[in-house]
PDB file of N, CA and C in Angstrom:
ATOM      1  N   UNK A   1     -15.674  23.958 -18.974  1.00  0.00           N
ATOM      2  CA  UNK A   1     -14.967  23.189 -17.966  1.00  0.00           C
ATOM      3  C   UNK A   1     -14.575  21.819 -18.497  1.00  0.00           C
ATOM      4  N   UNK A   2     -15.473  21.213 -19.259  1.00  0.00           N
ATOM      5  CA  UNK A   2     -15.172  19.891 -19.806  1.00  0.00           C
ATOM      6  C   UNK A   2     -13.917  19.940 -20.668  1.00  0.00           C
ATOM      7  N   UNK A   3     -13.775  21.000 -21.460  1.00  0.00           N
ATOM      8  CA  UNK A   3     -12.571  21.137 -22.288  1.00  0.00           C
ATOM      9  C   UNK A   3     -11.317  21.194 -21.431  1.00  0.00           C
ATOM     10  N   UNK A   4     -11.392  21.921 -20.332  1.00  0.00           N
ATOM     11  CA  UNK A   4     -10.231  22.034 -19.444  1.00  0.00           C
ATOM     12  C   UNK A   4      -9.911  20.693 -18.798  1.00  0.00           C
ATOM     13  N   UNK A   5     -10.944  19.952 -18.427  1.00  0.00           N
ATOM     14  CA  UNK A   5     -10.734  18.639 -17.834  1.00  0.00           C
ATOM     15  C   UNK A   5     -10.138  17.683 -18.865  1.00  0.00           C
ATOM     16  N   UNK A   6     -10.632  17.739 -20.093  1.00  0.00           N
ATOM     17  CA  UNK A   6     -10.076  16.906 -21.166  1.00  0.00           C
ATOM     18  C   UNK A   6      -8.616  17.260 -21.436  1.00  0.00           C
ATOM     19  N   UNK A   7      -8.307  18.541 -21.431  1.00  0.00           N
ATOM     20  CA  UNK A   7      -6.918  18.974 -21.645  1.00  0.00           C
ATOM     21  C   UNK A   7      -6.013  18.475 -20.524  1.00  0.00           C
ATOM     22  N   UNK A   8      -6.499  18.554 -19.295  1.00  0.00           N
ATOM     23  CA  UNK A   8      -5.723  18.066 -18.159  1.00  0.00           C
ATOM     24  C   UNK A   8      -5.526  16.555 -18.247  1.00  0.00           C
ATOM     25  N   UNK A   9      -6.592  15.830 -18.604  1.00  0.00           N
ATOM     26  CA  UNK A   9      -6.490  14.375 -18.761  1.00  0.00           C
ATOM     27  C   UNK A   9      -5.453  14.029 -19.828  1.00  0.00           C
ATOM     28  N   UNK A  10      -5.482  14.743 -20.953  1.00  0.00           N
ATOM     29  CA  UNK A  10      -4.526  14.487 -22.031  1.00  0.00           C
ATOM     30  C   UNK A  10      -3.098  14.818 -21.600  1.00  0.00           C
ATOM     31  N   UNK A  11      -2.945  15.907 -20.865  1.00  0.00           N
ATOM     32  CA  UNK A  11      -1.612  16.274 -20.355  1.00  0.00           C
ATOM     33  C   UNK A  11      -1.099  15.206 -19.397  1.00  0.00           C
ATOM     34  N   UNK A  12      -1.982  14.699 -18.559  1.00  0.00           N
ATOM     35  CA  UNK A  12      -1.614  13.639 -17.625  1.00  0.00           C
ATOM     36  C   UNK A  12      -1.257  12.353 -18.358  1.00  0.00           C
ATOM     37  N   UNK A  13      -2.034  12.010 -19.383  1.00  0.00           N
ATOM     38  CA  UNK A  13      -1.709  10.829 -20.193  1.00  0.00           C
ATOM     39  C   UNK A  13      -0.281  10.937 -20.753  1.00  0.00           C
ATOM     40  N   UNK A  14       0.037  12.097 -21.306  1.00  0.00           N
ATOM     41  CA  UNK A  14       1.365  12.307 -21.892  1.00  0.00           C
ATOM     42  C   UNK A  14       2.448  12.245 -20.819  1.00  0.00           C
ATOM     43  N   UNK A  15       2.197  12.845 -19.684  1.00  0.00           N
ATOM     44  CA  UNK A  15       3.137  12.810 -18.562  1.00  0.00           C
ATOM     45  C   UNK A  15       3.447  11.367 -18.171  1.00  0.00           C
ATOM     46  N   UNK A  16       2.403  10.554 -18.060  1.00  0.00           N
ATOM     47  CA  UNK A  16       2.560   9.146 -17.691  1.00  0.00           C
ATOM     48  C   UNK A  16       3.274   8.378 -18.798  1.00  0.00           C
ATOM     49  N   UNK A  17       2.871   8.612 -20.041  1.00  0.00           N
ATOM     50  CA  UNK A  17       3.458   7.913 -21.180  1.00  0.00           C
ATOM     51  C   UNK A  17       4.963   8.198 -21.289  1.00  0.00           C
ATOM     52  N   UNK A  18       5.353   9.455 -21.135  1.00  0.00           N
ATOM     53  CA  UNK A  18       6.768   9.829 -21.234  1.00  0.00           C
ATOM     54  C   UNK A  18       7.634   9.128 -20.195  1.00  0.00           C
ATOM     55  N   UNK A  19       7.036   8.733 -19.094  1.00  0.00           N
ATOM     56  CA  UNK A  19       7.780   8.088 -18.009  1.00  0.00           C
ATOM     57  C   UNK A  19       7.586   6.574 -17.972  1.00  0.00           C
ATOM     58  N   UNK A  20       6.810   6.052 -18.925  1.00  0.00           N
ATOM     59  CA  UNK A  20       6.503   4.622 -18.985  1.00  0.00           C
ATOM     60  C   UNK A  20       5.883   4.139 -17.671  1.00  0.00           C
ATOM     61  N   UNK A  21       4.934   4.897 -17.169  1.00  0.00           N
ATOM     62  CA  UNK A  21       4.277   4.556 -15.913  1.00  0.00           C
ATOM     63  C   UNK A  21       2.941   3.861 -16.103  1.00  0.00           C
ATOM     64  N   UNK A  22       2.497   3.680 -17.353  1.00  0.00           N
ATOM     65  CA  UNK A  22       1.215   2.997 -17.549  1.00  0.00           C
ATOM     66  C   UNK A  22       1.207   1.645 -16.848  1.00  0.00           C
ATOM     67  N   UNK A  23       2.360   0.984 -16.859  1.00  0.00           N
ATOM     68  CA  UNK A  23       2.466  -0.351 -16.267  1.00  0.00           C
ATOM     69  C   UNK A  23       2.121  -0.360 -14.778  1.00  0.00           C
ATOM     70  N   UNK A  24       2.234   0.778 -14.118  1.00  0.00           N
ATOM     71  CA  UNK A  24       1.960   0.866 -12.688  1.00  0.00           C
ATOM     72  C   UNK A  24       0.555   1.382 -12.384  1.00  0.00           C
ATOM     73  N   UNK A  25      -0.150   1.839 -13.422  1.00  0.00           N
ATOM     74  CA  UNK A  25      -1.413   2.523 -13.209  1.00  0.00           C
ATOM     75  C   UNK A  25      -2.628   1.618 -13.357  1.00  0.00           C
ATOM     76  N   UNK A  26      -2.632   0.553 -12.588  1.00  0.00           N
ATOM     77  CA  UNK A  26      -3.836  -0.279 -12.519  1.00  0.00           C
ATOM     78  C   UNK A  26      -4.850   0.463 -11.651  1.00  0.00           C
ATOM     79  N   UNK A  27      -6.132   0.177 -11.833  1.00  0.00           N
ATOM     80  CA  UNK A  27      -7.122   0.825 -10.972  1.00  0.00           C
ATOM     81  C   UNK A  27      -6.832   0.621  -9.482  1.00  0.00           C
ATOM     82  N   UNK A  28      -6.388  -0.560  -9.110  1.00  0.00           N
ATOM     83  CA  UNK A  28      -6.060  -0.840  -7.704  1.00  0.00           C
ATOM     84  C   UNK A  28      -4.959   0.080  -7.216  1.00  0.00           C
ATOM     85  N   UNK A  29      -3.874   0.187  -7.974  1.00  0.00           N
ATOM     86  CA  UNK A  29      -2.756   1.032  -7.551  1.00  0.00           C
ATOM     87  C   UNK A  29      -3.147   2.508  -7.512  1.00  0.00           C
ATOM     88  N   UNK A  30      -3.922   2.944  -8.489  1.00  0.00           N
ATOM     89  CA  UNK A  30      -4.343   4.338  -8.521  1.00  0.00           C
ATOM     90  C   UNK A  30      -5.279   4.657  -7.353  1.00  0.00           C
ATOM     91  N   UNK A  31      -6.185   3.739  -7.041  1.00  0.00           N
ATOM     92  CA  UNK A  31      -7.090   3.948  -5.903  1.00  0.00           C
ATOM     93  C   UNK A  31      -6.294   4.027  -4.602  1.00  0.00           C
ATOM     94  N   UNK A  32      -5.319   3.154  -4.453  1.00  0.00           N
ATOM     95  CA  UNK A  32      -4.492   3.170  -3.243  1.00  0.00           C
ATOM     96  C   UNK A  32      -3.683   4.463  -3.153  1.00  0.00           C
ATOM     97  N   UNK A  33      -3.114   4.897  -4.261  1.00  0.00           N
ATOM     98  CA  UNK A  33      -2.334   6.139  -4.268  1.00  0.00           C
ATOM     99  C   UNK A  33      -3.230   7.334  -3.941  1.00  0.00           C
ATOM    100  N   UNK A  34      -4.449   7.324  -4.462  1.00  0.00           N
ATOM    101  CA  UNK A  34      -5.373   8.416  -4.194  1.00  0.00           C
ATOM    102  C   UNK A  34      -5.709   8.489  -2.704  1.00  0.00           C
ATOM    103  N   UNK A  35      -5.915   7.353  -2.084  1.00  0.00           N
ATOM    104  CA  UNK A  35      -6.234   7.324  -0.656  1.00  0.00           C
ATOM    105  C   UNK A  35      -5.047   7.805   0.172  1.00  0.00           C
ATOM    106  N   UNK A  36      -3.847   7.451  -0.217  1.00  0.00           N
ATOM    107  CA  UNK A  36      -2.653   7.943   0.478  1.00  0.00           C
ATOM    108  C   UNK A  36      -2.605   9.462   0.419  1.00  0.00           C
ATOM    109  N   UNK A  37      -2.863  10.019  -0.760  1.00  0.00           N
ATOM    110  CA  UNK A  37      -2.847  11.482  -0.911  1.00  0.00           C
ATOM    111  C   UNK A  37      -3.986  12.120  -0.120  1.00  0.00           C
ATOM    112  N   UNK A  38      -5.156  11.483  -0.110  1.00  0.00           N
ATOM    113  CA  UNK A  38      -6.279  12.006   0.673  1.00  0.00           C
ATOM    114  C   UNK A  38      -5.935  12.004   2.162  1.00  0.00           C
ATOM    115  N   UNK A  39      -5.229  10.978   2.616  1.00  0.00           N
ATOM    116  CA  UNK A  39      -4.804  10.931   4.018  1.00  0.00           C
ATOM    117  C   UNK A  39      -3.818  12.061   4.315  1.00  0.00           C
ATOM    118  N   UNK A  40      -2.933  12.353   3.370  1.00  0.00           N
ATOM    119  CA  UNK A  40      -2.003  13.467   3.558  1.00  0.00           C
ATOM    120  C   UNK A  40      -2.765  14.793   3.618  1.00  0.00           C
ATOM    121  N   UNK A  41      -3.837  14.901   2.866  1.00  0.00           N
ATOM    122  CA  UNK A  41      -4.689  16.097   2.915  1.00  0.00           C
ATOM    123  C   UNK A  41      -5.337  16.218   4.297  1.00  0.00           C
ATOM    124  N   UNK A  42      -5.907  15.145   4.778  1.00  0.00           N
ATOM    125  CA  UNK A  42      -6.581  15.139   6.074  1.00  0.00           C
ATOM    126  C   UNK A  42      -5.608  15.510   7.192  1.00  0.00           C
ATOM    127  N   UNK A  43      -4.375  15.074   7.058  1.00  0.00           N
ATOM    128  CA  UNK A  43      -3.370  15.343   8.084  1.00  0.00           C
ATOM    129  C   UNK A  43      -3.210  16.844   8.354  1.00  0.00           C
ATOM    130  N   UNK A  44      -3.396  17.667   7.335  1.00  0.00           N
ATOM    131  CA  UNK A  44      -3.270  19.120   7.515  1.00  0.00           C
ATOM    132  C   UNK A  44      -4.368  19.687   8.411  1.00  0.00           C
ATOM    133  N   UNK A  45      -5.472  18.984   8.532  1.00  0.00           N
ATOM    134  CA  UNK A  45      -6.600  19.475   9.315  1.00  0.00           C
ATOM    135  C   UNK A  45      -6.744  18.781  10.663  1.00  0.00           C
ATOM    136  N   UNK A  46      -5.938  17.756  10.879  1.00  0.00           N
ATOM    137  CA  UNK A  46      -6.008  17.003  12.124  1.00  0.00           C
ATOM    138  C   UNK A  46      -5.767  17.937  13.305  1.00  0.00           C
ATOM    139  N   UNK A  47      -6.640  17.866  14.261  1.00  0.00           N
ATOM    140  CA  UNK A  47      -6.562  18.607  15.528  1.00  0.00           C
ATOM    141  C   UNK A  47      -6.933  20.081  15.405  1.00  0.00           C
ATOM    142  N   UNK A  48      -7.289  20.545  14.230  1.00  0.00           N
ATOM    143  CA  UNK A  48      -7.737  21.929  14.112  1.00  0.00           C
ATOM    144  C   UNK A  48      -9.201  22.041  14.539  1.00  0.00           C
ATOM    145  N   UNK A  49      -9.568  23.201  15.020  1.00  0.00           N
ATOM    146  CA  UNK A  49     -10.987  23.454  15.287  1.00  0.00           C
ATOM    147  C   UNK A  49     -11.684  23.701  13.944  1.00  0.00           C
ATOM    148  N   UNK A  50     -13.006  23.730  13.961  1.00  0.00           N
ATOM    149  CA  UNK A  50     -13.753  24.037  12.745  1.00  0.00           C
ATOM    150  C   UNK A  50     -13.315  25.388  12.186  1.00  0.00           C
ATOM    151  N   UNK A  51     -13.225  26.388  13.056  1.00  0.00           N
ATOM    152  CA  UNK A  51     -12.835  27.729  12.595  1.00  0.00           C
ATOM    153  C   UNK A  51     -11.408  27.747  12.053  1.00  0.00           C
ATOM    154  N   UNK A  52     -10.486  27.071  12.718  1.00  0.00           N
ATOM    155  CA  UNK A  52      -9.105  27.023  12.231  1.00  0.00           C
ATOM    156  C   UNK A  52      -9.026  26.355  10.864  1.00  0.00           C
ATOM    157  N   UNK A  53      -9.845  25.340  10.656  1.00  0.00           N
ATOM    158  CA  UNK A  53      -9.808  24.618   9.375  1.00  0.00           C
ATOM    159  C   UNK A  53     -10.312  25.488   8.226  1.00  0.00           C
ATOM    160  N   UNK A  54     -11.098  26.508   8.534  1.00  0.00           N
ATOM    161  CA  UNK A  54     -11.628  27.410   7.509  1.00  0.00           C
ATOM    162  C   UNK A  54     -10.701  28.573   7.224  1.00  0.00           C
ATOM    163  N   UNK A  55      -9.724  28.786   8.083  1.00  0.00           N
ATOM    164  CA  UNK A  55      -8.848  29.947   7.958  1.00  0.00           C
ATOM    165  C   UNK A  55      -7.385  29.521   8.093  1.00  0.00           C
ATOM    166  N   UNK A  56      -6.928  28.715   7.153  1.00  0.00           N
ATOM    167  CA  UNK A  56      -5.544  28.238   7.240  1.00  0.00           C
ATOM    168  C   UNK A  56      -4.586  29.298   6.692  1.00  0.00           C
ATOM    169  N   UNK A  57      -3.390  29.380   7.255  1.00  0.00           N
ATOM    170  CA  UNK A  57      -2.421  30.384   6.791  1.00  0.00           C
ATOM    171  C   UNK A  57      -1.966  30.099   5.353  1.00  0.00           C
ATOM    172  N   UNK A  58      -1.502  31.142   4.655  1.00  0.00           N
ATOM    173  CA  UNK A  58      -1.133  30.996   3.229  1.00  0.00           C
ATOM    174  C   UNK A  58      -0.130  29.878   2.942  1.00  0.00           C
ATOM    175  N   UNK A  59       0.888  29.717   3.781  1.00  0.00           N
ATOM    176  CA  UNK A  59       1.879  28.666   3.500  1.00  0.00           C
ATOM    177  C   UNK A  59       1.259  27.271   3.640  1.00  0.00           C
ATOM    178  N   UNK A  60       0.357  27.102   4.583  1.00  0.00           N
ATOM    179  CA  UNK A  60      -0.324  25.816   4.743  1.00  0.00           C
ATOM    180  C   UNK A  60      -1.354  25.631   3.629  1.00  0.00           C
ATOM    181  N   UNK A  61      -1.974  26.719   3.206  1.00  0.00           N
ATOM    182  CA  UNK A  61      -2.959  26.664   2.120  1.00  0.00           C
ATOM    183  C   UNK A  61      -2.318  26.111   0.845  1.00  0.00           C
ATOM    184  N   UNK A  62      -1.096  26.514   0.568  1.00  0.00           N
ATOM    185  CA  UNK A  62      -0.395  25.999  -0.617  1.00  0.00           C
ATOM    186  C   UNK A  62      -0.133  24.498  -0.484  1.00  0.00           C
ATOM    187  N   UNK A  63       0.266  24.055   0.700  1.00  0.00           N
ATOM    188  CA  UNK A  63       0.476  22.618   0.924  1.00  0.00           C
ATOM    189  C   UNK A  63      -0.826  21.849   0.753  1.00  0.00           C
ATOM    190  N   UNK A  64      -1.922  22.404   1.268  1.00  0.00           N
ATOM    191  CA  UNK A  64      -3.237  21.781   1.124  1.00  0.00           C
ATOM    192  C   UNK A  64      -3.614  21.711  -0.359  1.00  0.00           C
ATOM    193  N   UNK A  65      -3.336  22.781  -1.099  1.00  0.00           N
ATOM    194  CA  UNK A  65      -3.628  22.797  -2.537  1.00  0.00           C
ATOM    195  C   UNK A  65      -2.876  21.684  -3.257  1.00  0.00           C
ATOM    196  N   UNK A  66      -1.634  21.445  -2.853  1.00  0.00           N
ATOM    197  CA  UNK A  66      -0.844  20.368  -3.471  1.00  0.00           C
ATOM    198  C   UNK A  66      -1.467  19.007  -3.195  1.00  0.00           C
ATOM    199  N   UNK A  67      -1.929  18.792  -1.972  1.00  0.00           N
ATOM    200  CA  UNK A  67      -2.540  17.497  -1.639  1.00  0.00           C
ATOM    201  C   UNK A  67      -3.878  17.321  -2.350  1.00  0.00           C
ATOM    202  N   UNK A  68      -4.646  18.394  -2.464  1.00  0.00           N
ATOM    203  CA  UNK A  68      -5.896  18.324  -3.222  1.00  0.00           C
ATOM    204  C   UNK A  68      -5.591  17.975  -4.676  1.00  0.00           C
ATOM    205  N   UNK A  69      -4.567  18.624  -5.234  1.00  0.00           N
ATOM    206  CA  UNK A  69      -4.184  18.352  -6.627  1.00  0.00           C
ATOM    207  C   UNK A  69      -3.740  16.906  -6.800  1.00  0.00           C
ATOM    208  N   UNK A  70      -2.926  16.402  -5.872  1.00  0.00           N
ATOM    209  CA  UNK A  70      -2.478  15.007  -5.961  1.00  0.00           C
ATOM    210  C   UNK A  70      -3.668  14.061  -5.965  1.00  0.00           C
ATOM    211  N   UNK A  71      -4.608  14.306  -5.065  1.00  0.00           N
ATOM    212  CA  UNK A  71      -5.794  13.448  -4.973  1.00  0.00           C
ATOM    213  C   UNK A  71      -6.610  13.517  -6.262  1.00  0.00           C
ATOM    214  N   UNK A  72      -6.790  14.729  -6.762  1.00  0.00           N
ATOM    215  CA  UNK A  72      -7.560  14.943  -7.989  1.00  0.00           C
ATOM    216  C   UNK A  72      -6.895  14.283  -9.192  1.00  0.00           C
ATOM    217  N   UNK A  73      -5.587  14.401  -9.296  1.00  0.00           N
ATOM    218  CA  UNK A  73      -4.853  13.813 -10.427  1.00  0.00           C
ATOM    219  C   UNK A  73      -5.007  12.292 -10.428  1.00  0.00           C
ATOM    220  N   UNK A  74      -4.896  11.668  -9.263  1.00  0.00           N
ATOM    221  CA  UNK A  74      -5.081  10.215  -9.214  1.00  0.00           C
ATOM    222  C   UNK A  74      -6.519   9.831  -9.556  1.00  0.00           C
ATOM    223  N   UNK A  75      -7.485  10.609  -9.105  1.00  0.00           N
ATOM    224  CA  UNK A  75      -8.881  10.341  -9.449  1.00  0.00           C
ATOM    225  C   UNK A  75      -9.109  10.471 -10.955  1.00  0.00           C
ATOM    226  N   UNK A  76      -8.576  11.526 -11.532  1.00  0.00           N
ATOM    227  CA  UNK A  76      -8.701  11.728 -12.975  1.00  0.00           C
ATOM    228  C   UNK A  76      -8.018  10.606 -13.745  1.00  0.00           C
ATOM    229  N   UNK A  77      -6.854  10.215 -13.311  1.00  0.00           N
ATOM    230  CA  UNK A  77      -6.118   9.137 -13.982  1.00  0.00           C
ATOM    231  C   UNK A  77      -6.891   7.815 -13.888  1.00  0.00           C
ATOM    232  N   UNK A  78      -7.443   7.533 -12.702  1.00  0.00           N
ATOM    233  CA  UNK A  78      -8.191   6.287 -12.536  1.00  0.00           C
ATOM    234  C   UNK A  78      -9.435   6.285 -13.413  1.00  0.00           C
ATOM    235  N   UNK A  79     -10.135   7.411 -13.488  1.00  0.00           N
ATOM    236  CA  UNK A  79     -11.321   7.462 -14.344  1.00  0.00           C
ATOM    237  C   UNK A  79     -10.932   7.265 -15.808  1.00  0.00           C
ATOM    238  N   UNK A  80      -9.780   7.794 -16.204  1.00  0.00           N
ATOM    239  CA  UNK A  80      -9.303   7.627 -17.577  1.00  0.00           C
ATOM    240  C   UNK A  80      -8.966   6.164 -17.859  1.00  0.00           C
ATOM    241  N   UNK A  81      -8.248   5.535 -16.955  1.00  0.00           N
ATOM    242  CA  UNK A  81      -7.856   4.132 -17.135  1.00  0.00           C
ATOM    243  C   UNK A  81      -9.091   3.236 -17.219  1.00  0.00           C
ATOM    244  N   UNK A  82     -10.114   3.559 -16.439  1.00  0.00           N
ATOM    245  CA  UNK A  82     -11.331   2.745 -16.439  1.00  0.00           C
ATOM    246  C   UNK A  82     -12.336   3.138 -17.522  1.00  0.00           C
ATOM    247  N   UNK A  83     -12.044   4.220 -18.249  1.00  0.00           N
ATOM    248  CA  UNK A  83     -12.955   4.664 -19.293  1.00  0.00           C
ATOM    249  C   UNK A  83     -14.239   5.260 -18.741  1.00  0.00           C
ATOM    250  N   UNK A  84     -14.146   5.906 -17.584  1.00  0.00           N
ATOM    251  CA  UNK A  84     -15.307   6.535 -16.963  1.00  0.00           C
ATOM    252  C   UNK A  84     -15.205   8.042 -17.173  1.00  0.00           C
ATOM    253  N   UNK A  85     -16.248   8.627 -17.729  1.00  0.00           N
ATOM    254  CA  UNK A  85     -16.291  10.073 -17.896  1.00  0.00           C
ATOM    255  C   UNK A  85     -16.608  10.668 -16.529  1.00  0.00           C
ATOM    256  N   UNK A  86     -15.653  11.365 -15.968  1.00  0.00           N
ATOM    257  CA  UNK A  86     -15.767  11.879 -14.614  1.00  0.00           C
ATOM    258  C   UNK A  86     -16.926  12.871 -14.468  1.00  0.00           C
ATOM    259  N   UNK A  87     -17.111  13.738 -15.440  1.00  0.00           N
ATOM    260  CA  UNK A  87     -18.200  14.714 -15.384  1.00  0.00           C
ATOM    261  C   UNK A  87     -19.555  14.006 -15.465  1.00  0.00           C
ATOM    262  N   UNK A  88     -19.697  13.055 -16.390  1.00  0.00           N
ATOM    263  CA  UNK A  88     -20.956  12.308 -16.504  1.00  0.00           C
ATOM    264  C   UNK A  88     -21.247  11.527 -15.224  1.00  0.00           C
ATOM    265  N   UNK A  89     -20.215  10.887 -14.669  1.00  0.00           N
ATOM    266  CA  UNK A  89     -20.401  10.099 -13.444  1.00  0.00           C
ATOM    267  C   UNK A  89     -20.815  10.990 -12.279  1.00  0.00           C
ATOM    268  N   UNK A  90     -20.195  12.163 -12.164  1.00  0.00           N
ATOM    269  CA  UNK A  90     -20.547  13.082 -11.084  1.00  0.00           C
ATOM    270  C   UNK A  90     -21.977  13.591 -11.250  1.00  0.00           C
ATOM    271  N   UNK A  91     -22.358  13.940 -12.465  1.00  0.00           N
ATOM    272  CA  UNK A  91     -23.724  14.401 -12.700  1.00  0.00           C
ATOM    273  C   UNK A  91     -24.747  13.316 -12.394  1.00  0.00           C
ATOM    274  N   UNK A  92     -24.448  12.082 -12.783  1.00  0.00           N
ATOM    275  CA  UNK A  92     -25.356  10.970 -12.497  1.00  0.00           C
ATOM    276  C   UNK A  92     -25.478  10.752 -10.993  1.00  0.00           C
ATOM    277  N   UNK A  93     -24.375  10.887 -10.281  1.00  0.00           N
ATOM    278  CA  UNK A  93     -24.394  10.689  -8.826  1.00  0.00           C
ATOM    279  C   UNK A  93     -25.172  11.804  -8.136  1.00  0.00           C
ATOM    280  N   UNK A  94     -25.047  13.041  -8.604  1.00  0.00           N
ATOM    281  CA  UNK A  94     -25.820  14.144  -8.030  1.00  0.00           C
ATOM    282  C   UNK A  94     -27.313  13.901  -8.240  1.00  0.00           C
ATOM    283  N   UNK A  95     -27.684  13.421  -9.418  1.00  0.00           N
ATOM    284  CA  UNK A  95     -29.085  13.095  -9.704  1.00  0.00           C
ATOM    285  C   UNK A  95     -29.578  12.002  -8.756  1.00  0.00           C
ATOM    286  N   UNK A  96     -28.784  10.962  -8.573  1.00  0.00           N
ATOM    287  CA  UNK A  96     -29.144   9.877  -7.658  1.00  0.00           C
ATOM    288  C   UNK A  96     -29.272  10.400  -6.228  1.00  0.00           C
ATOM    289  N   UNK A  97     -28.320  11.233  -5.804  1.00  0.00           N
ATOM    290  CA  UNK A  97     -28.379  11.781  -4.445  1.00  0.00           C
ATOM    291  C   UNK A  97     -29.588  12.694  -4.248  1.00  0.00           C
ATOM    292  N   UNK A  98     -29.987  13.405  -5.295  1.00  0.00           N
ATOM    293  CA  UNK A  98     -31.170  14.257  -5.199  1.00  0.00           C
ATOM    294  C   UNK A  98     -32.418  13.410  -4.938  1.00  0.00           C
ATOM    295  N   UNK A  99     -32.441  12.202  -5.476  1.00  0.00           N
ATOM    296  CA  UNK A  99     -33.556  11.293  -5.229  1.00  0.00           C
ATOM    297  C   UNK A  99     -33.488  10.710  -3.818  1.00  0.00           C
ATOM    298  N   UNK A 100     -32.277  10.364  -3.388  1.00  0.00           N
ATOM    299  CA  UNK A 100     -32.085   9.777  -2.057  1.00  0.00           C
ATOM    300  C   UNK A 100     -32.253  10.809  -0.945  1.00  0.00           C
ATOM    301  N   UNK A 101     -31.911  12.047  -1.249  1.00  0.00           N
ATOM    302  CA  UNK A 101     -31.931  13.115  -0.250  1.00  0.00           C
ATOM    303  C   UNK A 101     -32.786  14.293  -0.739  1.00  0.00           C
ATOM    304  N   UNK A 102     -34.117  14.128  -0.796  1.00  0.00           N
ATOM    305  CA  UNK A 102     -34.964  15.233  -1.255  1.00  0.00           C
ATOM    306  C   UNK A 102     -34.829  16.436  -0.312  1.00  0.00           C
ATOM    307  N   UNK A 103     -34.661  17.605  -0.892  1.00  0.00           N
ATOM    308  CA  UNK A 103     -34.401  18.815  -0.110  1.00  0.00           C
ATOM    309  C   UNK A 103     -35.472  19.051   0.955  1.00  0.00           C
ATOM    310  N   UNK A 104     -36.724  18.785   0.630  1.00  0.00           N
ATOM    311  CA  UNK A 104     -37.785  19.052   1.596  1.00  0.00           C
ATOM    312  C   UNK A 104     -37.738  18.120   2.802  1.00  0.00           C
ATOM    313  N   UNK A 105     -37.033  17.006   2.688  1.00  0.00           N
ATOM    314  CA  UNK A 105     -36.934  16.066   3.806  1.00  0.00           C
ATOM    315  C   UNK A 105     -35.627  16.192   4.582  1.00  0.00           C
ATOM    316  N   UNK A 106     -34.591  16.702   3.953  1.00  0.00           N
ATOM    317  CA  UNK A 106     -33.270  16.670   4.600  1.00  0.00           C
ATOM    318  C   UNK A 106     -32.681  18.047   4.897  1.00  0.00           C
ATOM    319  N   UNK A 107     -33.368  19.092   4.503  1.00  0.00           N
ATOM    320  CA  UNK A 107     -32.817  20.438   4.699  1.00  0.00           C
ATOM    321  C   UNK A 107     -32.389  20.620   6.147  1.00  0.00           C
ATOM    322  N   UNK A 108     -31.102  20.965   6.326  1.00  0.00           N
ATOM    323  CA  UNK A 108     -30.569  21.227   7.657  1.00  0.00           C
ATOM    324  C   UNK A 108     -30.230  19.997   8.465  1.00  0.00           C
ATOM    325  N   UNK A 109     -30.330  18.817   7.870  1.00  0.00           N
ATOM    326  CA  UNK A 109     -30.055  17.569   8.587  1.00  0.00           C
ATOM    327  C   UNK A 109     -28.905  16.828   7.916  1.00  0.00           C
ATOM    328  N   UNK A 110     -28.100  16.167   8.713  1.00  0.00           N
ATOM    329  CA  UNK A 110     -27.032  15.347   8.150  1.00  0.00           C
ATOM    330  C   UNK A 110     -27.334  13.853   8.296  1.00  0.00           C
ATOM    331  N   UNK A 111     -28.587  13.511   8.527  1.00  0.00           N
ATOM    332  CA  UNK A 111     -28.990  12.115   8.685  1.00  0.00           C
ATOM    333  C   UNK A 111     -28.838  11.371   7.364  1.00  0.00           C
ATOM    334  N   UNK A 112     -28.473  10.109   7.474  1.00  0.00           N
ATOM    335  CA  UNK A 112     -28.382   9.258   6.290  1.00  0.00           C
ATOM    336  C   UNK A 112     -29.789   8.989   5.764  1.00  0.00           C
ATOM    337  N   UNK A 113     -29.899   8.791   4.448  1.00  0.00           N
ATOM    338  CA  UNK A 113     -31.208   8.638   3.809  1.00  0.00           C
ATOM    339  C   UNK A 113     -32.023   7.495   4.392  1.00  0.00           C
ATOM    340  N   UNK A 114     -31.368   6.490   4.942  1.00  0.00           N
ATOM    341  CA  UNK A 114     -32.092   5.356   5.509  1.00  0.00           C
ATOM    342  C   UNK A 114     -32.833   5.729   6.813  1.00  0.00           C
ATOM    343  N   UNK A 115     -32.482   6.864   7.392  1.00  0.00           N
ATOM    344  CA  UNK A 115     -33.116   7.283   8.645  1.00  0.00           C
ATOM    345  C   UNK A 115     -34.442   7.990   8.415  1.00  0.00           C
ATOM    346  N   UNK A 116     -34.743   8.448   7.237  1.00  0.00           N
ATOM    347  CA  UNK A 116     -35.983   9.165   6.979  1.00  0.00           C
ATOM    348  C   UNK A 116     -36.759   8.603   5.802  1.00  0.00           C
ATOM    349  N   UNK A 117     -36.201   7.570   5.170  1.00  0.00           N
ATOM    350  CA  UNK A 117     -36.812   7.011   3.966  1.00  0.00           C
ATOM    351  C   UNK A 117     -38.245   6.574   4.261  1.00  0.00           C
ATOM    352  N   UNK A 118     -39.125   6.851   3.290  1.00  0.00           N
ATOM    353  CA  UNK A 118     -40.544   6.470   3.430  1.00  0.00           C
ATOM    354  C   UNK A 118     -40.713   4.980   3.540  1.00  0.00           C
TER     355      UNK A 118
END
């Protein structure tokens, strides 16, 4: 998977370079663009029931896939610009969350860690 992510990052770098867009890709701008795309993703689920959100029709599923991709591409680009290894950062965060949310204390609960912390 890491190889595929590296290949995608490199393809994205080239895509940006060919268009001379590096000048626009500050972390601030990339974060803002990512949030805009995430909002467009959320819009597809607005007003749906839980069950409807799990069973979207094929034409809407493709639109949702595009918004997920847009959000992911901006996240990948921002991590590249900042020199953050996305896989390492995600693994470190999962480790931290495992400490904050021990399975034996939170199983089946959506409470924030501050509500049950020793």
